[in-house]
ModelCIF file with pLDDT and N, C-alpha, C, O atoms, coordinates in Angstrom:
data_MODEL
#
_entry.id   MODEL 
#
_entity.id                         1 
_entity.type                       polymer 
_entity.pdbx_number_of_molecules   1 
#
_entity_poly.entity_id                      1 
_entity_poly.type                           'polypeptide(L)' 
_entity_poly.nstd_linkage                   no 
_entity_poly.nstd_monomer                   no 
_entity_poly.pdbx_seq_one_letter_code       
;(UNK)(UNK)(UNK)(UNK)(UNK)(UNK)(UNK)(UNK)(UNK)(UNK)(UNK)(UNK)(UNK)(UNK)(UNK)(UNK)
(UNK)(UNK)(UNK)(UNK)(UNK)(UNK)(UNK)(UNK)(UNK)(UNK)(UNK)(UNK)(UNK)(UNK)(UNK)
;
_entity_poly.pdbx_seq_one_letter_code_can   XXXXXXXXXXXXXXXXXXXXXXXXXXXXXXX 
_entity_poly.pdbx_strand_id                 A 
#
loop_
_entity_poly_seq.entity_id 
_entity_poly_seq.num 
_entity_poly_seq.mon_id 
_entity_poly_seq.hetero 
1 1  UNK n 
1 2  UNK n 
1 3  UNK n 
1 4  UNK n 
1 5  UNK n 
1 6  UNK n 
1 7  UNK n 
1 8  UNK n 
1 9  UNK n 
1 10 UNK n 
1 11 UNK n 
1 12 UNK n 
1 13 UNK n 
1 14 UNK n 
1 15 UNK n 
1 16 UNK n 
1 17 UNK n 
1 18 UNK n 
1 19 UNK n 
1 20 UNK n 
1 21 UNK n 
1 22 UNK n 
1 23 UNK n 
1 24 UNK n 
1 25 UNK n 
1 26 UNK n 
1 27 UNK n 
1 28 UNK n 
1 29 UNK n 
1 30 UNK n 
1 31 UNK n 
#
_struct_asym.id          A 
_struct_asym.entity_id   1 
#
loop_
_ma_qa_metric.id 
_ma_qa_metric.mode 
_ma_qa_metric.name 
_ma_qa_metric.software_group_id 
_ma_qa_metric.type 
1 global pLDDT . pLDDT 
2 local  pLDDT . pLDDT 
#
_ma_qa_metric_global.metric_id      1 
_ma_qa_metric_global.metric_value   97.77 
_ma_qa_metric_global.model_id       1 
_ma_qa_metric_global.ordinal_id     1 
#
loop_
_ma_qa_metric_local.label_asym_id 
_ma_qa_metric_local.label_comp_id 
_ma_qa_metric_local.label_seq_id 
_ma_qa_metric_local.metric_id 
_ma_qa_metric_local.metric_value 
_ma_qa_metric_local.model_id 
_ma_qa_metric_local.ordinal_id 
A UNK 1  2 98.00 1 1  
A UNK 2  2 98.00 1 2  
A UNK 3  2 98.00 1 3  
A UNK 4  2 97.00 1 4  
A UNK 5  2 98.00 1 5  
A UNK 6  2 98.00 1 6  
A UNK 7  2 97.00 1 7  
A UNK 8  2 98.00 1 8  
A UNK 9  2 98.00 1 9  
A UNK 10 2 98.00 1 10 
A UNK 11 2 97.00 1 11 
A UNK 12 2 97.00 1 12 
A UNK 13 2 96.00 1 13 
A UNK 14 2 98.00 1 14 
A UNK 15 2 98.00 1 15 
A UNK 16 2 97.00 1 16 
A UNK 17 2 98.00 1 17 
A UNK 18 2 98.00 1 18 
A UNK 19 2 98.00 1 19 
A UNK 20 2 98.00 1 20 
A UNK 21 2 98.00 1 21 
A UNK 22 2 98.00 1 22 
A UNK 23 2 98.00 1 23 
A UNK 24 2 98.00 1 24 
A UNK 25 2 98.00 1 25 
A UNK 26 2 98.00 1 26 
A UNK 27 2 98.00 1 27 
A UNK 28 2 98.00 1 28 
A UNK 29 2 98.00 1 29 
A UNK 30 2 98.00 1 30 
A UNK 31 2 98.00 1 31 
#
loop_
_atom_site.group_PDB 
_atom_site.id 
_atom_site.type_symbol 
_atom_site.label_atom_id 
_atom_site.label_alt_id 
_atom_site.label_comp_id 
_atom_site.label_asym_id 
_atom_site.label_entity_id 
_atom_site.label_seq_id 
_atom_site.pdbx_PDB_ins_code 
_atom_site.Cartn_x 
_atom_site.Cartn_y 
_atom_site.Cartn_z 
_atom_site.occupancy 
_atom_site.B_iso_or_equiv 
_atom_site.pdbx_formal_charge 
_atom_site.auth_seq_id 
_atom_site.auth_comp_id 
_atom_site.auth_asym_id 
_atom_site.auth_atom_id 
_atom_site.pdbx_PDB_model_num 
ATOM 1   N N  . UNK A 1 1  ? 107.948 52.306 118.249 1.00 98.00 ? 1  UNK A N  1 
ATOM 2   C CA . UNK A 1 1  ? 109.363 52.283 118.609 1.00 98.00 ? 1  UNK A CA 1 
ATOM 3   C C  . UNK A 1 1  ? 110.009 51.057 117.995 1.00 98.00 ? 1  UNK A C  1 
ATOM 4   O O  . UNK A 1 1  ? 109.507 49.941 118.129 1.00 98.00 ? 1  UNK A O  1 
ATOM 5   N N  . UNK A 1 2  ? 111.125 51.277 117.322 1.00 98.00 ? 2  UNK A N  1 
ATOM 6   C CA . UNK A 1 2  ? 111.823 50.216 116.608 1.00 98.00 ? 2  UNK A CA 1 
ATOM 7   C C  . UNK A 1 2  ? 113.241 50.078 117.159 1.00 98.00 ? 2  UNK A C  1 
ATOM 8   O O  . UNK A 1 2  ? 114.055 50.989 117.013 1.00 98.00 ? 2  UNK A O  1 
ATOM 9   N N  . UNK A 1 3  ? 113.538 48.936 117.793 1.00 98.00 ? 3  UNK A N  1 
ATOM 10  C CA . UNK A 1 3  ? 114.900 48.591 118.210 1.00 98.00 ? 3  UNK A CA 1 
ATOM 11  C C  . UNK A 1 3  ? 115.534 49.635 119.129 1.00 98.00 ? 3  UNK A C  1 
ATOM 12  O O  . UNK A 1 3  ? 116.721 49.931 118.997 1.00 98.00 ? 3  UNK A O  1 
ATOM 13  N N  . UNK A 1 4  ? 114.772 50.184 120.039 1.00 97.00 ? 4  UNK A N  1 
ATOM 14  C CA . UNK A 1 4  ? 115.311 51.210 120.931 1.00 97.00 ? 4  UNK A CA 1 
ATOM 15  C C  . UNK A 1 4  ? 115.271 50.842 122.406 1.00 97.00 ? 4  UNK A C  1 
ATOM 16  O O  . UNK A 1 4  ? 115.989 51.442 123.205 1.00 97.00 ? 4  UNK A O  1 
ATOM 17  N N  . UNK A 1 5  ? 114.448 49.867 122.786 1.00 98.00 ? 5  UNK A N  1 
ATOM 18  C CA . UNK A 1 5  ? 114.238 49.601 124.204 1.00 98.00 ? 5  UNK A CA 1 
ATOM 19  C C  . UNK A 1 5  ? 115.516 49.173 124.912 1.00 98.00 ? 5  UNK A C  1 
ATOM 20  O O  . UNK A 1 5  ? 115.709 49.516 126.079 1.00 98.00 ? 5  UNK A O  1 
ATOM 21  N N  . UNK A 1 6  ? 116.395 48.432 124.238 1.00 98.00 ? 6  UNK A N  1 
ATOM 22  C CA . UNK A 1 6  ? 117.639 48.003 124.895 1.00 98.00 ? 6  UNK A CA 1 
ATOM 23  C C  . UNK A 1 6  ? 118.471 49.207 125.327 1.00 98.00 ? 6  UNK A C  1 
ATOM 24  O O  . UNK A 1 6  ? 119.078 49.185 126.398 1.00 98.00 ? 6  UNK A O  1 
ATOM 25  N N  . UNK A 1 7  ? 118.506 50.258 124.505 1.00 97.00 ? 7  UNK A N  1 
ATOM 26  C CA . UNK A 1 7  ? 119.266 51.452 124.856 1.00 97.00 ? 7  UNK A CA 1 
ATOM 27  C C  . UNK A 1 7  ? 118.683 52.168 126.052 1.00 97.00 ? 7  UNK A C  1 
ATOM 28  O O  . UNK A 1 7  ? 119.421 52.652 126.911 1.00 97.00 ? 7  UNK A O  1 
ATOM 29  N N  . UNK A 1 8  ? 117.361 52.239 126.117 1.00 98.00 ? 8  UNK A N  1 
ATOM 30  C CA . UNK A 1 8  ? 116.708 52.874 127.268 1.00 98.00 ? 8  UNK A CA 1 
ATOM 31  C C  . UNK A 1 8  ? 116.986 52.093 128.543 1.00 98.00 ? 8  UNK A C  1 
ATOM 32  O O  . UNK A 1 8  ? 117.197 52.683 129.603 1.00 98.00 ? 8  UNK A O  1 
ATOM 33  N N  . UNK A 1 9  ? 116.988 50.757 128.442 1.00 98.00 ? 9  UNK A N  1 
ATOM 34  C CA . UNK A 1 9  ? 117.297 49.931 129.614 1.00 98.00 ? 9  UNK A CA 1 
ATOM 35  C C  . UNK A 1 9  ? 118.738 50.166 130.054 1.00 98.00 ? 9  UNK A C  1 
ATOM 36  O O  . UNK A 1 9  ? 119.010 50.346 131.242 1.00 98.00 ? 9  UNK A O  1 
ATOM 37  N N  . UNK A 1 10 ? 119.658 50.164 129.094 1.00 98.00 ? 10 UNK A N  1 
ATOM 38  C CA . UNK A 1 10 ? 121.072 50.327 129.424 1.00 98.00 ? 10 UNK A CA 1 
ATOM 39  C C  . UNK A 1 10 ? 121.358 51.661 130.101 1.00 98.00 ? 10 UNK A C  1 
ATOM 40  O O  . UNK A 1 10 ? 122.254 51.755 130.940 1.00 98.00 ? 10 UNK A O  1 
ATOM 41  N N  . UNK A 1 11 ? 120.595 52.697 129.737 1.00 97.00 ? 11 UNK A N  1 
ATOM 42  C CA . UNK A 1 11 ? 120.829 54.029 130.311 1.00 97.00 ? 11 UNK A CA 1 
ATOM 43  C C  . UNK A 1 11 ? 119.954 54.304 131.525 1.00 97.00 ? 11 UNK A C  1 
ATOM 44  O O  . UNK A 1 11 ? 120.019 55.385 132.110 1.00 97.00 ? 11 UNK A O  1 
ATOM 45  N N  . UNK A 1 12 ? 119.133 53.325 131.906 1.00 97.00 ? 12 UNK A N  1 
ATOM 46  C CA . UNK A 1 12 ? 118.428 53.411 133.167 1.00 97.00 ? 12 UNK A CA 1 
ATOM 47  C C  . UNK A 1 12 ? 117.135 54.195 133.182 1.00 97.00 ? 12 UNK A C  1 
ATOM 48  O O  . UNK A 1 12 ? 116.603 54.481 134.255 1.00 97.00 ? 12 UNK A O  1 
ATOM 49  N N  . UNK A 1 13 ? 116.605 54.557 131.999 1.00 96.00 ? 13 UNK A N  1 
ATOM 50  C CA . UNK A 1 13 ? 115.368 55.339 132.018 1.00 96.00 ? 13 UNK A CA 1 
ATOM 51  C C  . UNK A 1 13 ? 114.243 54.704 131.209 1.00 96.00 ? 13 UNK A C  1 
ATOM 52  O O  . UNK A 1 13 ? 113.330 55.406 130.776 1.00 96.00 ? 13 UNK A O  1 
ATOM 53  N N  . UNK A 1 14 ? 114.289 53.388 130.996 1.00 98.00 ? 14 UNK A N  1 
ATOM 54  C CA . UNK A 1 14 ? 113.224 52.719 130.246 1.00 98.00 ? 14 UNK A CA 1 
ATOM 55  C C  . UNK A 1 14 ? 111.845 52.913 130.879 1.00 98.00 ? 14 UNK A C  1 
ATOM 56  O O  . UNK A 1 14 ? 110.891 53.190 130.151 1.00 98.00 ? 14 UNK A O  1 
ATOM 57  N N  . UNK A 1 15 ? 111.693 52.779 132.222 1.00 98.00 ? 15 UNK A N  1 
ATOM 58  C CA . UNK A 1 15 ? 110.361 52.989 132.795 1.00 98.00 ? 15 UNK A CA 1 
ATOM 59  C C  . UNK A 1 15 ? 109.805 54.382 132.502 1.00 98.00 ? 15 UNK A C  1 
ATOM 60  O O  . UNK A 1 15 ? 108.614 54.523 132.227 1.00 98.00 ? 15 UNK A O  1 
ATOM 61  N N  . UNK A 1 16 ? 110.651 55.411 132.558 1.00 97.00 ? 16 UNK A N  1 
ATOM 62  C CA . UNK A 1 16 ? 110.191 56.773 132.282 1.00 97.00 ? 16 UNK A CA 1 
ATOM 63  C C  . UNK A 1 16 ? 109.766 56.930 130.832 1.00 97.00 ? 16 UNK A C  1 
ATOM 64  O O  . UNK A 1 16 ? 108.805 57.643 130.544 1.00 97.00 ? 16 UNK A O  1 
ATOM 65  N N  . UNK A 1 17 ? 110.470 56.273 129.914 1.00 98.00 ? 17 UNK A N  1 
ATOM 66  C CA . UNK A 1 17 ? 110.110 56.369 128.505 1.00 98.00 ? 17 UNK A CA 1 
ATOM 67  C C  . UNK A 1 17 ? 108.776 55.680 128.242 1.00 98.00 ? 17 UNK A C  1 
ATOM 68  O O  . UNK A 1 17 ? 107.921 56.220 127.540 1.00 98.00 ? 17 UNK A O  1 
ATOM 69  N N  . UNK A 1 18 ? 108.601 54.499 128.800 1.00 98.00 ? 18 UNK A N  1 
ATOM 70  C CA . UNK A 1 18 ? 107.331 53.795 128.589 1.00 98.00 ? 18 UNK A CA 1 
ATOM 71  C C  . UNK A 1 18 ? 106.171 54.575 129.200 1.00 98.00 ? 18 UNK A C  1 
ATOM 72  O O  . UNK A 1 18 ? 105.066 54.571 128.659 1.00 98.00 ? 18 UNK A O  1 
ATOM 73  N N  . UNK A 1 19 ? 106.420 55.247 130.332 1.00 98.00 ? 19 UNK A N  1 
ATOM 74  C CA . UNK A 1 19 ? 105.363 56.068 130.924 1.00 98.00 ? 19 UNK A CA 1 
ATOM 75  C C  . UNK A 1 19 ? 105.039 57.261 130.031 1.00 98.00 ? 19 UNK A C  1 
ATOM 76  O O  . UNK A 1 19 ? 103.874 57.635 129.891 1.00 98.00 ? 19 UNK A O  1 
ATOM 77  N N  . UNK A 1 20 ? 106.065 57.858 129.426 1.00 98.00 ? 20 UNK A N  1 
ATOM 78  C CA . UNK A 1 20 ? 105.837 58.984 128.523 1.00 98.00 ? 20 UNK A CA 1 
ATOM 79  C C  . UNK A 1 20 ? 105.030 58.552 127.302 1.00 98.00 ? 20 UNK A C  1 
ATOM 80  O O  . UNK A 1 20 ? 104.166 59.293 126.834 1.00 98.00 ? 20 UNK A O  1 
ATOM 81  N N  . UNK A 1 21 ? 105.309 57.358 126.789 1.00 98.00 ? 21 UNK A N  1 
ATOM 82  C CA . UNK A 1 21 ? 104.558 56.863 125.638 1.00 98.00 ? 21 UNK A CA 1 
ATOM 83  C C  . UNK A 1 21 ? 103.103 56.603 126.009 1.00 98.00 ? 21 UNK A C  1 
ATOM 84  O O  . UNK A 1 21 ? 102.196 56.850 125.214 1.00 98.00 ? 21 UNK A O  1 
ATOM 85  N N  . UNK A 1 22 ? 102.891 56.108 127.214 1.00 98.00 ? 22 UNK A N  1 
ATOM 86  C CA . UNK A 1 22 ? 101.530 55.890 127.690 1.00 98.00 ? 22 UNK A CA 1 
ATOM 87  C C  . UNK A 1 22 ? 100.793 57.219 127.826 1.00 98.00 ? 22 UNK A C  1 
ATOM 88  O O  . UNK A 1 22 ? 99.638  57.339 127.417 1.00 98.00 ? 22 UNK A O  1 
ATOM 89  N N  . UNK A 1 23 ? 101.457 58.206 128.396 1.00 98.00 ? 23 UNK A N  1 
ATOM 90  C CA . UNK A 1 23 ? 100.807 59.484 128.662 1.00 98.00 ? 23 UNK A CA 1 
ATOM 91  C C  . UNK A 1 23 ? 100.359 60.193 127.393 1.00 98.00 ? 23 UNK A C  1 
ATOM 92  O O  . UNK A 1 23 ? 99.283  60.790 127.366 1.00 98.00 ? 23 UNK A O  1 
ATOM 93  N N  . UNK A 1 24 ? 101.174 60.136 126.335 1.00 98.00 ? 24 UNK A N  1 
ATOM 94  C CA . UNK A 1 24 ? 100.848 60.897 125.123 1.00 98.00 ? 24 UNK A CA 1 
ATOM 95  C C  . UNK A 1 24 ? 99.712  60.256 124.334 1.00 98.00 ? 24 UNK A C  1 
ATOM 96  O O  . UNK A 1 24 ? 99.076  60.933 123.526 1.00 98.00 ? 24 UNK A O  1 
ATOM 97  N N  . UNK A 1 25 ? 99.442  58.977 124.544 1.00 98.00 ? 25 UNK A N  1 
ATOM 98  C CA . UNK A 1 25 ? 98.408  58.279 123.784 1.00 98.00 ? 25 UNK A CA 1 
ATOM 99  C C  . UNK A 1 25 ? 97.008  58.607 124.303 1.00 98.00 ? 25 UNK A C  1 
ATOM 100 O O  . UNK A 1 25 ? 96.793  58.788 125.502 1.00 98.00 ? 25 UNK A O  1 
ATOM 101 N N  . UNK A 1 26 ? 96.067  58.677 123.362 1.00 98.00 ? 26 UNK A N  1 
ATOM 102 C CA . UNK A 1 26 ? 94.656  58.776 123.723 1.00 98.00 ? 26 UNK A CA 1 
ATOM 103 C C  . UNK A 1 26 ? 94.210  57.441 124.320 1.00 98.00 ? 26 UNK A C  1 
ATOM 104 O O  . UNK A 1 26 ? 94.808  56.407 124.022 1.00 98.00 ? 26 UNK A O  1 
ATOM 105 N N  . UNK A 1 27 ? 93.177  57.446 125.152 1.00 98.00 ? 27 UNK A N  1 
ATOM 106 C CA . UNK A 1 27 ? 92.591  56.173 125.582 1.00 98.00 ? 27 UNK A CA 1 
ATOM 107 C C  . UNK A 1 27 ? 92.193  55.348 124.358 1.00 98.00 ? 27 UNK A C  1 
ATOM 108 O O  . UNK A 1 27 ? 91.532  55.852 123.450 1.00 98.00 ? 27 UNK A O  1 
ATOM 109 N N  . UNK A 1 28 ? 92.601  54.075 124.341 1.00 98.00 ? 28 UNK A N  1 
ATOM 110 C CA . UNK A 1 28 ? 92.375  53.225 123.180 1.00 98.00 ? 28 UNK A CA 1 
ATOM 111 C C  . UNK A 1 28 ? 93.498  53.275 122.165 1.00 98.00 ? 28 UNK A C  1 
ATOM 112 O O  . UNK A 1 28 ? 93.478  52.538 121.180 1.00 98.00 ? 28 UNK A O  1 
ATOM 113 N N  . UNK A 1 29 ? 94.494  54.151 122.396 1.00 98.00 ? 29 UNK A N  1 
ATOM 114 C CA . UNK A 1 29 ? 95.614  54.279 121.470 1.00 98.00 ? 29 UNK A CA 1 
ATOM 115 C C  . UNK A 1 29 ? 96.557  53.089 121.531 1.00 98.00 ? 29 UNK A C  1 
ATOM 116 O O  . UNK A 1 29 ? 96.529  52.301 122.477 1.00 98.00 ? 29 UNK A O  1 
ATOM 117 N N  . UNK A 1 30 ? 97.397  52.971 120.499 1.00 98.00 ? 30 UNK A N  1 
ATOM 118 C CA . UNK A 1 30 ? 98.257  51.800 120.311 1.00 98.00 ? 30 UNK A CA 1 
ATOM 119 C C  . UNK A 1 30 ? 99.729  52.148 120.473 1.00 98.00 ? 30 UNK A C  1 
ATOM 120 O O  . UNK A 1 30 ? 100.198 53.169 119.968 1.00 98.00 ? 30 UNK A O  1 
ATOM 121 N N  . UNK A 1 31 ? 100.450 51.291 121.180 1.00 98.00 ? 31 UNK A N  1 
ATOM 122 C CA . UNK A 1 31 ? 101.909 51.309 121.211 1.00 98.00 ? 31 UNK A CA 1 
ATOM 123 C C  . UNK A 1 31 ? 102.404 50.109 120.433 1.00 98.00 ? 31 UNK A C  1 
ATOM 124 O O  . UNK A 1 31 ? 103.612 49.904 120.315 1.00 98.00 ? 31 UNK A O  1 
#
């Protein structure tokens, strides 16, 4: 993710986005 977190925070769903990124990754995967 490049330069997007501020927008997610401003719209109130940053925690949900970070959880979605965690969920899609394999164990040992990189964010």
